[in-house]
Structure formats: structure tokens, C-alpha cells
Amino acid sequence: MVGVDRMILSQDQPSDTPNFLDGKVIGEEFVGATATIYVETTDGKEIKAQKSHDEVAHLDTNIGARIYASWQLESAHILPGE
């Protein structure tokens, strides 16, 4: 699991980490100074990232835009299964 505030969004494939997913923007929601970007990965899973307006201002967040979500290794947590 990676916290929604720990996701890094970009239009370009990350070259500095193997920890990324690619997909397309399927939604965007603004609450106060926070933007939540909803992404559908290429395998059909939905993920989301929360960023400030400034952090997403340079991104194409139109529905259908290709986007990459990446994270630093230390931002990931493994949860115990049942």
C-alpha cells in the first residue's frame, strides 16, 4: 500500500525508480487546496493520488490523458493478509 499523498504523478515514464504504474486519468476532484486524481491502470485497477493544485498544474489531467504514478520505496507498506 502507498498513501495517496505519497504518489508522484508525471506524464513521462519515471526513469529513477522501478516503482511505477501507468494508466489514464479517469477523474479529478478538488477539495480546498487538494486535488485528487483518479487513475485507471493498464490492468484495470483504480488508484488515486492527492496533490496540491500547484503540484498538478503542469499535468494534463483531462479524462483519458496518459499518466504515470510512482513512489519511493520507503513510501510503500505491506499489510498483513488474513
Protein backbone atom coordinates (compact mmCIF):
# COMPACT_ATOMS: atom_id res chain seq x y z
CA MET A 1 0.00 0.00 0.00
CA VAL A 2 1.16 3.51 -0.80
CA GLY A 3 -0.50 6.53 0.77
CA VAL A 4 -2.39 8.73 -1.69
CA ASP A 5 -0.25 11.69 -0.64
CA ARG A 6 2.97 9.76 -1.42
CA MET A 7 2.19 9.13 -5.10
CA ILE A 8 4.22 11.10 -7.63
CA LEU A 9 2.41 11.90 -10.88
CA SER A 10 4.04 12.61 -14.22
CA GLN A 11 3.33 12.50 -17.93
CA ASP A 12 6.73 10.88 -18.57
CA GLN A 13 7.73 7.36 -17.59
CA PRO A 14 9.86 7.57 -14.45
CA SER A 15 13.50 6.65 -15.00
CA ASP A 16 14.66 6.99 -11.39
CA THR A 17 12.51 4.24 -9.84
CA PRO A 18 11.16 0.83 -10.82
CA ASN A 19 8.11 1.54 -8.64
CA PHE A 20 5.51 2.92 -11.01
CA LEU A 21 2.23 2.18 -12.73
CA ASP A 22 0.96 3.68 -15.93
CA GLY A 23 -2.61 4.37 -16.77
CA LYS A 24 -5.09 7.03 -17.77
CA VAL A 25 -6.88 9.75 -15.87
CA ILE A 26 -10.49 8.80 -15.15
CA GLY A 27 -11.44 11.60 -12.79
CA GLU A 28 -10.38 14.63 -10.83
CA GLU A 29 -11.79 16.12 -7.65
CA PHE A 30 -10.89 19.33 -5.86
CA VAL A 31 -11.49 19.89 -2.16
CA GLY A 32 -9.96 23.08 -0.83
CA ALA A 33 -6.30 23.20 -1.79
CA THR A 34 -6.14 19.47 -2.56
CA ALA A 35 -6.67 17.74 -5.89
CA THR A 36 -7.44 14.02 -6.01
CA ILE A 37 -6.56 12.45 -9.35
CA TYR A 38 -8.18 9.09 -10.15
CA VAL A 39 -6.19 6.82 -12.44
CA GLU A 40 -7.14 3.53 -14.09
CA THR A 41 -4.05 1.37 -14.56
CA THR A 42 -3.43 -0.62 -17.71
CA ASP A 43 -4.67 -3.76 -15.91
CA GLY A 44 -7.96 -2.07 -14.94
CA LYS A 45 -7.28 -1.23 -11.29
CA GLU A 46 -8.20 2.18 -9.87
CA ILE A 47 -5.68 4.17 -7.87
CA LYS A 48 -5.73 7.73 -6.66
CA ALA A 49 -3.23 10.40 -5.75
CA GLN A 50 -3.75 13.54 -3.68
CA LYS A 51 -1.68 16.58 -4.53
CA SER A 52 -1.80 20.32 -4.10
CA HIS A 53 -3.10 22.40 -7.00
CA ASP A 54 0.46 23.58 -7.66
CA GLU A 55 1.74 20.01 -7.94
CA VAL A 56 -0.77 19.10 -10.67
CA ALA A 57 -0.93 22.44 -12.50
CA HIS A 58 1.68 21.31 -15.08
CA LEU A 59 -0.01 17.94 -15.74
CA ASP A 60 -2.62 17.05 -18.34
CA THR A 61 -5.40 15.77 -16.09
CA ASN A 62 -8.10 15.64 -18.74
CA ILE A 63 -10.11 12.42 -18.82
CA GLY A 64 -8.20 9.84 -20.84
CA ALA A 65 -4.79 11.52 -20.52
CA ARG A 66 -1.93 9.08 -20.04
CA ILE A 67 -0.22 9.43 -16.67
CA TYR A 68 2.33 7.62 -14.54
CA ALA A 69 2.06 7.16 -10.78
CA SER A 70 5.30 6.37 -8.98
CA TRP A 71 6.51 6.20 -5.40
CA GLN A 72 9.69 5.93 -3.40
CA LEU A 73 10.44 2.53 -1.90
CA GLU A 74 10.21 3.87 1.65
CA SER A 75 6.65 5.08 0.95
CA ALA A 76 5.33 1.55 0.41
CA HIS A 77 3.88 -0.57 3.23
CA ILE A 78 2.99 -4.25 3.16
CA LEU A 79 -0.22 -5.07 5.01
CA PRO A 80 -0.76 -8.45 6.64
CA GLY A 81 -3.19 -10.79 4.90
CA GLU A 82 -5.96 -12.76 6.51
